[in-house]
């Protein structure tokens, strides 16, 4: 009886730190950045899955060439394939991530929100938040990737792999691949949790050190420009270190390839494309993620401060 009560008390203790303000702020930030930058995300995914061997996949000579070819063959709407699951995925991911990250962080601090956490504590909170977020949102990312990779030349594909929209993709993946189909790319995604952990550790430490330098509380609100600088630097470092997992994840979720698993995909890229194969789409990714992160974090910070102080 005592054990049950102890477990119940611990669960209540964790849940008591949940604050919906962080959830809403994360949803707002994720939605805004995706609406603005989805075309760049689509092109990044297409570069990432292009192994140079599949004749059914369009080949692009660069970002501008990709834009022009997509508009020519698929129309302007082609740039927005997969936008709905991308918005839903980004909104739910950032909302869940910020909610759980701040809850875990507050739970660790417990006694005072002004207590300074070590970089490793920030990383611990980010890793736990990342794993939970991935479990909840991986199915949405599979659908988003599949829709982004619907080409005008895909008439040779079976009907079960041609999707007219998000609901159609959801039903066809469920029927033809089962629950495991929605978790393709999950293993690389777990490695990708380190991306968020590195980013948040650097981001939080930059904010803390800057407030200490200004002789202010570590929770003190920064100016928009200062948030932009912290977000951009932290994202740039994290993206440069962990990008290969995004290529592996996109390849495994792509319905034009039939990799047997993460190891097979990793070895195939090394065999046919060399080390640079793991960095395909990196340049367009950096062009996309820096402004995306800036928009997400600036909207999040201002929205959360407004909601928490309303």
Protein backbone atom coordinates (compact mmCIF):
# COMPACT_ATOMS: atom_id res chain seq x y z
CA UNK A 1 0.00 0.00 0.00
CA UNK A 2 2.84 2.34 0.91
CA UNK A 3 4.60 1.63 -2.41
CA UNK A 4 1.43 2.44 -4.38
CA UNK A 5 0.95 5.68 -2.46
CA UNK A 6 4.62 6.60 -2.99
CA UNK A 7 4.35 6.00 -6.75
CA UNK A 8 1.11 7.98 -6.87
CA UNK A 9 2.71 10.88 -5.00
CA UNK A 10 5.70 10.92 -7.37
CA UNK A 11 3.38 10.94 -10.41
CA UNK A 12 1.34 13.76 -8.92
CA UNK A 13 4.56 15.64 -8.16
CA UNK A 14 5.65 15.44 -11.82
CA UNK A 15 2.20 16.28 -13.22
CA UNK A 16 1.91 19.27 -10.90
CA UNK A 17 4.72 20.92 -12.86
CA UNK A 18 2.89 20.70 -16.21
CA UNK A 19 1.98 24.17 -17.48
CA UNK A 20 -0.26 24.51 -20.55
CA UNK A 21 1.36 27.87 -21.37
CA UNK A 22 4.47 26.08 -22.63
CA UNK A 23 2.33 23.72 -24.73
CA UNK A 24 0.45 26.61 -26.41
CA UNK A 25 3.64 28.63 -26.92
CA UNK A 26 5.37 25.64 -28.55
CA UNK A 27 2.37 25.00 -30.83
CA UNK A 28 2.37 28.66 -31.89
CA UNK A 29 6.11 28.67 -32.65
CA UNK A 30 6.08 25.38 -34.56
CA UNK A 31 3.05 26.35 -36.63
CA UNK A 32 4.40 29.76 -37.59
CA UNK A 33 7.83 28.52 -38.70
CA UNK A 34 6.37 25.66 -40.77
CA UNK A 35 3.84 27.83 -42.58
CA UNK A 36 6.62 30.19 -43.63
CA UNK A 37 9.36 27.69 -44.54
CA UNK A 38 7.70 24.44 -45.70
CA UNK A 39 8.98 24.63 -49.34
CA UNK A 40 12.58 24.59 -48.08
CA UNK A 41 11.81 21.59 -45.90
CA UNK A 42 10.34 19.73 -48.89
CA UNK A 43 13.45 20.37 -51.00
CA UNK A 44 15.72 19.30 -48.11
CA UNK A 45 13.87 15.97 -47.87
CA UNK A 46 14.14 15.40 -51.63
CA UNK A 47 17.87 16.05 -51.60
CA UNK A 48 18.31 13.75 -48.58
CA UNK A 49 16.68 10.71 -50.23
CA UNK A 50 18.36 11.08 -53.64
CA UNK A 51 20.93 8.28 -53.78
CA UNK A 52 21.86 8.97 -57.41
CA UNK A 53 20.91 5.41 -58.42
CA UNK A 54 17.13 5.42 -58.56
CA UNK A 55 15.85 6.53 -61.97
CA UNK A 56 12.35 7.21 -60.62
CA UNK A 57 13.54 10.03 -58.34
CA UNK A 58 14.03 13.50 -59.89
CA UNK A 59 17.59 14.84 -59.81
CA UNK A 60 18.31 18.49 -58.96
CA UNK A 61 21.51 20.45 -59.55
CA UNK A 62 20.93 22.83 -56.67
CA UNK A 63 18.30 24.63 -54.61
CA UNK A 64 17.27 27.08 -57.35
CA UNK A 65 17.14 24.28 -59.92
CA UNK A 66 14.98 22.23 -57.53
CA UNK A 67 12.52 25.12 -57.11
CA UNK A 68 12.26 25.63 -60.86
CA UNK A 69 11.85 21.92 -61.68
CA UNK A 70 9.18 21.37 -59.04
CA UNK A 71 7.19 24.39 -60.23
CA UNK A 72 7.55 23.28 -63.86
CA UNK A 73 6.53 19.65 -63.33
CA UNK A 74 4.19 19.91 -60.33
CA UNK A 75 3.11 23.55 -60.26
CA UNK A 76 3.37 25.89 -57.28
CA UNK A 77 1.27 23.42 -55.28
CA UNK A 78 4.15 20.95 -55.58
CA UNK A 79 6.18 23.08 -53.18
CA UNK A 80 3.51 22.57 -50.54
CA UNK A 81 3.11 18.80 -50.70
CA UNK A 82 2.98 17.41 -47.18
CA UNK A 83 2.41 20.80 -45.58
CA UNK A 84 -0.60 19.72 -43.50
CA UNK A 85 1.17 16.84 -41.68
CA UNK A 86 4.26 19.06 -41.41
CA UNK A 87 2.24 21.78 -39.64
CA UNK A 88 0.54 19.20 -37.41
CA UNK A 89 3.86 17.46 -36.73
CA UNK A 90 5.76 20.66 -35.97
CA UNK A 91 3.00 22.11 -33.81
CA UNK A 92 2.53 18.90 -31.80
CA UNK A 93 6.27 18.22 -31.59
CA UNK A 94 7.26 21.68 -30.36
CA UNK A 95 4.22 21.88 -28.08
CA UNK A 96 4.95 18.49 -26.49
CA UNK A 97 8.69 19.16 -26.37
CA UNK A 98 8.47 22.53 -24.64
CA UNK A 99 5.78 21.26 -22.24
CA UNK A 100 7.72 18.18 -21.14
CA UNK A 101 11.13 19.87 -21.23
CA UNK A 102 10.06 22.72 -18.96
CA UNK A 103 8.12 20.35 -16.69
CA UNK A 104 11.14 18.07 -16.23
CA UNK A 105 13.43 21.06 -15.73
CA UNK A 106 11.10 22.59 -13.12
CA UNK A 107 10.76 19.23 -11.41
CA UNK A 108 14.56 19.00 -11.16
CA UNK A 109 14.80 22.55 -9.81
CA UNK A 110 11.79 21.98 -7.53
CA UNK A 111 12.73 24.39 -4.76
CA UNK A 112 13.38 27.48 -6.86
CA UNK A 113 12.98 28.39 -10.53
CA UNK A 114 15.99 30.68 -10.07
CA UNK A 115 18.25 27.73 -9.30
CA UNK A 116 20.86 27.38 -12.03
CA UNK A 117 20.97 23.93 -13.61
CA UNK A 118 24.15 22.40 -14.98
CA UNK A 119 24.51 21.83 -18.74
CA UNK A 120 24.07 18.09 -18.13
CA UNK A 121 20.77 18.65 -16.32
CA UNK A 122 19.52 20.68 -19.29
CA UNK A 123 20.63 17.86 -21.57
CA UNK A 124 18.88 15.25 -19.40
CA UNK A 125 15.62 17.20 -19.56
CA UNK A 126 15.97 17.63 -23.33
CA UNK A 127 16.69 13.92 -23.95
CA UNK A 128 13.65 12.78 -21.97
CA UNK A 129 11.43 15.35 -23.67
CA UNK A 130 12.80 14.32 -27.07
CA UNK A 131 12.11 10.60 -26.61
CA UNK A 132 8.52 11.21 -25.49
CA UNK A 133 7.93 13.64 -28.36
CA UNK A 134 9.33 11.17 -30.91
CA UNK A 135 7.09 8.37 -29.65
CA UNK A 136 4.02 10.54 -30.10
CA UNK A 137 4.85 12.22 -33.41
CA UNK A 138 6.86 9.73 -35.52
CA UNK A 139 3.70 8.57 -37.42
CA UNK A 140 3.04 12.16 -38.49
CA UNK A 141 6.61 12.53 -39.78
CA UNK A 142 6.31 9.33 -41.82
CA UNK A 143 3.19 10.70 -43.53
CA UNK A 144 4.80 14.09 -44.07
CA UNK A 145 7.89 12.52 -45.66
CA UNK A 146 5.80 10.30 -47.94
CA UNK A 147 3.71 13.25 -49.14
CA UNK A 148 6.79 15.40 -49.72
CA UNK A 149 8.12 12.58 -51.94
CA UNK A 150 5.08 12.30 -54.21
CA UNK A 151 6.51 13.11 -57.62
CA UNK A 152 4.71 13.91 -60.86
CA UNK A 153 6.54 10.92 -62.42
CA UNK A 154 5.19 8.45 -59.82
CA UNK A 155 2.66 6.79 -62.15
CA UNK A 156 4.73 3.57 -62.05
CA UNK A 157 4.13 3.15 -58.31
CA UNK A 158 1.41 0.83 -57.07
CA UNK A 159 -1.85 2.48 -56.05
CA UNK A 160 -1.11 1.62 -52.41
CA UNK A 161 1.92 3.94 -52.54
CA UNK A 162 0.24 6.86 -54.28
CA UNK A 163 -1.30 9.22 -51.74
CA UNK A 164 -3.89 11.90 -52.43
CA UNK A 165 -3.55 13.50 -49.01
CA UNK A 166 -2.88 13.02 -45.32
CA UNK A 167 -5.93 10.83 -44.55
CA UNK A 168 -5.36 8.70 -47.64
CA UNK A 169 -1.71 8.16 -46.63
CA UNK A 170 -2.76 7.31 -43.08
CA UNK A 171 -5.22 4.65 -44.26
CA UNK A 172 -2.93 3.11 -46.91
CA UNK A 173 0.07 2.86 -44.58
CA UNK A 174 -2.15 1.32 -41.89
CA UNK A 175 -3.57 -1.27 -44.30
CA UNK A 176 -0.39 -2.19 -46.20
CA UNK A 177 2.32 -1.80 -43.55
CA UNK A 178 0.56 -1.93 -40.21
CA UNK A 179 1.64 -0.08 -37.08
CA UNK A 180 5.34 -0.65 -37.87
CA UNK A 181 4.93 1.44 -41.03
CA UNK A 182 4.29 4.50 -38.88
CA UNK A 183 7.53 3.99 -36.97
CA UNK A 184 9.94 3.72 -39.88
CA UNK A 185 12.96 5.90 -39.18
CA UNK A 186 12.34 5.67 -35.43
CA UNK A 187 15.84 4.35 -34.59
CA UNK A 188 17.64 7.22 -36.39
CA UNK A 189 15.08 9.49 -34.73
CA UNK A 190 16.32 8.30 -31.33
CA UNK A 191 19.84 9.32 -32.34
CA UNK A 192 18.27 12.60 -33.42
CA UNK A 193 17.17 13.20 -29.83
CA UNK A 194 20.80 14.19 -29.25
CA UNK A 195 20.22 17.04 -31.72
CA UNK A 196 17.59 18.62 -29.47
CA UNK A 197 19.64 17.87 -26.37
CA UNK A 198 22.71 19.67 -27.75
CA UNK A 199 20.63 22.56 -29.05
CA UNK A 200 18.73 23.13 -25.80
CA UNK A 201 21.82 22.76 -23.63
CA UNK A 202 23.63 25.45 -25.64
CA UNK A 203 20.53 27.65 -25.88
CA UNK A 204 19.80 27.54 -22.15
CA UNK A 205 23.43 28.06 -21.18
CA UNK A 206 23.73 31.08 -23.48
CA UNK A 207 20.64 32.68 -21.91
CA UNK A 208 21.83 31.94 -18.38
CA UNK A 209 25.38 33.20 -18.93
CA UNK A 210 24.12 36.37 -20.60
CA UNK A 211 21.74 37.14 -17.72
CA UNK A 212 24.52 36.49 -15.21
CA UNK A 213 26.76 38.83 -17.22
CA UNK A 214 24.00 41.49 -16.99
CA UNK A 215 23.66 40.74 -13.24
CA UNK A 216 20.01 39.77 -13.67
CA UNK A 217 17.90 36.76 -12.69
CA UNK A 218 18.63 33.71 -14.87
CA UNK A 219 14.91 33.61 -15.81
CA UNK A 220 14.88 37.24 -16.92
CA UNK A 221 13.28 37.88 -20.34
CA UNK A 222 15.68 38.78 -23.16
CA UNK A 223 15.16 41.08 -26.12
CA UNK A 224 14.06 39.62 -29.47
CA UNK A 225 17.53 40.16 -30.97
CA UNK A 226 19.13 38.28 -28.10
CA UNK A 227 16.73 35.34 -28.52
CA UNK A 228 17.54 35.31 -32.24
CA UNK A 229 21.30 35.13 -31.59
CA UNK A 230 20.96 32.35 -28.99
CA UNK A 231 18.56 30.32 -31.15
CA UNK A 232 20.65 30.67 -34.33
CA UNK A 233 23.99 29.72 -32.75
CA UNK A 234 22.58 26.74 -30.81
CA UNK A 235 20.75 25.39 -33.87
CA UNK A 236 23.74 25.82 -36.18
CA UNK A 237 26.02 23.85 -33.87
CA UNK A 238 23.47 21.07 -33.25
CA UNK A 239 22.60 20.74 -36.96
CA UNK A 240 26.24 20.53 -38.04
CA UNK A 241 26.98 17.78 -35.50
CA UNK A 242 23.91 15.56 -35.92
CA UNK A 243 22.66 16.03 -39.51
CA UNK A 244 23.36 12.44 -40.80
CA UNK A 245 20.46 11.03 -38.75
CA UNK A 246 18.04 13.15 -40.79
CA UNK A 247 19.27 11.57 -44.03
CA UNK A 248 18.90 8.06 -42.59
CA UNK A 249 15.45 8.84 -41.24
CA UNK A 250 14.21 10.28 -44.54
CA UNK A 251 15.60 7.33 -46.53
CA UNK A 252 13.91 4.78 -44.26
CA UNK A 253 10.58 6.62 -44.48
CA UNK A 254 10.77 7.00 -48.26
CA UNK A 255 8.43 4.58 -50.07
CA UNK A 256 10.65 4.58 -53.19
CA UNK A 257 13.40 2.65 -51.37
CA UNK A 258 13.36 -0.73 -49.66
CA UNK A 259 16.07 -0.67 -47.00
CA UNK A 260 15.99 -3.62 -44.61
CA UNK A 261 16.74 -1.43 -41.61
CA UNK A 262 18.95 1.32 -40.21
CA UNK A 263 22.20 -0.67 -40.56
CA UNK A 264 21.45 -1.64 -44.17
CA UNK A 265 20.62 1.98 -45.01
CA UNK A 266 23.81 3.24 -43.32
CA UNK A 267 26.03 0.74 -45.15
CA UNK A 268 24.32 1.34 -48.51
CA UNK A 269 24.96 5.08 -48.30
CA UNK A 270 28.61 4.47 -47.39
CA UNK A 271 29.08 1.93 -50.20
CA UNK A 272 27.49 3.89 -53.04
CA UNK A 273 27.81 7.53 -52.00
CA UNK A 274 30.67 7.77 -49.52
CA UNK A 275 30.73 9.94 -46.39
CA UNK A 276 29.22 12.95 -48.19
CA UNK A 277 26.06 10.89 -48.78
CA UNK A 278 25.24 11.39 -45.11
CA UNK A 279 25.23 15.15 -45.64
CA UNK A 280 23.00 15.44 -48.69
CA UNK A 281 20.66 18.40 -48.32
CA UNK A 282 22.74 19.95 -45.53
CA UNK A 283 23.11 23.35 -47.20
CA UNK A 284 19.39 23.78 -47.89
CA UNK A 285 18.71 22.40 -44.41
CA UNK A 286 20.84 25.11 -42.79
CA UNK A 287 19.11 27.75 -44.94
CA UNK A 288 15.79 26.41 -43.62
CA UNK A 289 16.47 25.51 -39.99
CA UNK A 290 18.16 28.72 -38.91
CA UNK A 291 15.20 31.01 -39.74
CA UNK A 292 12.78 28.23 -38.69
CA UNK A 293 14.43 27.98 -35.27
CA UNK A 294 14.55 31.74 -34.89
CA UNK A 295 10.83 32.06 -35.67
CA UNK A 296 9.93 29.11 -33.41
CA UNK A 297 11.96 30.26 -30.41
CA UNK A 298 11.10 33.96 -30.66
CA UNK A 299 7.37 33.20 -30.96
CA UNK A 300 7.66 30.62 -28.17
CA UNK A 301 9.55 32.89 -25.76
CA UNK A 302 7.26 35.88 -26.22
CA UNK A 303 4.07 33.77 -26.16
CA UNK A 304 5.08 31.83 -23.05
CA UNK A 305 6.10 35.00 -21.18
CA UNK A 306 2.80 36.64 -22.16
CA UNK A 307 0.72 33.63 -21.07
CA UNK A 308 2.65 33.05 -17.82
CA UNK A 309 2.34 36.71 -16.82
CA UNK A 310 -1.22 37.28 -18.06
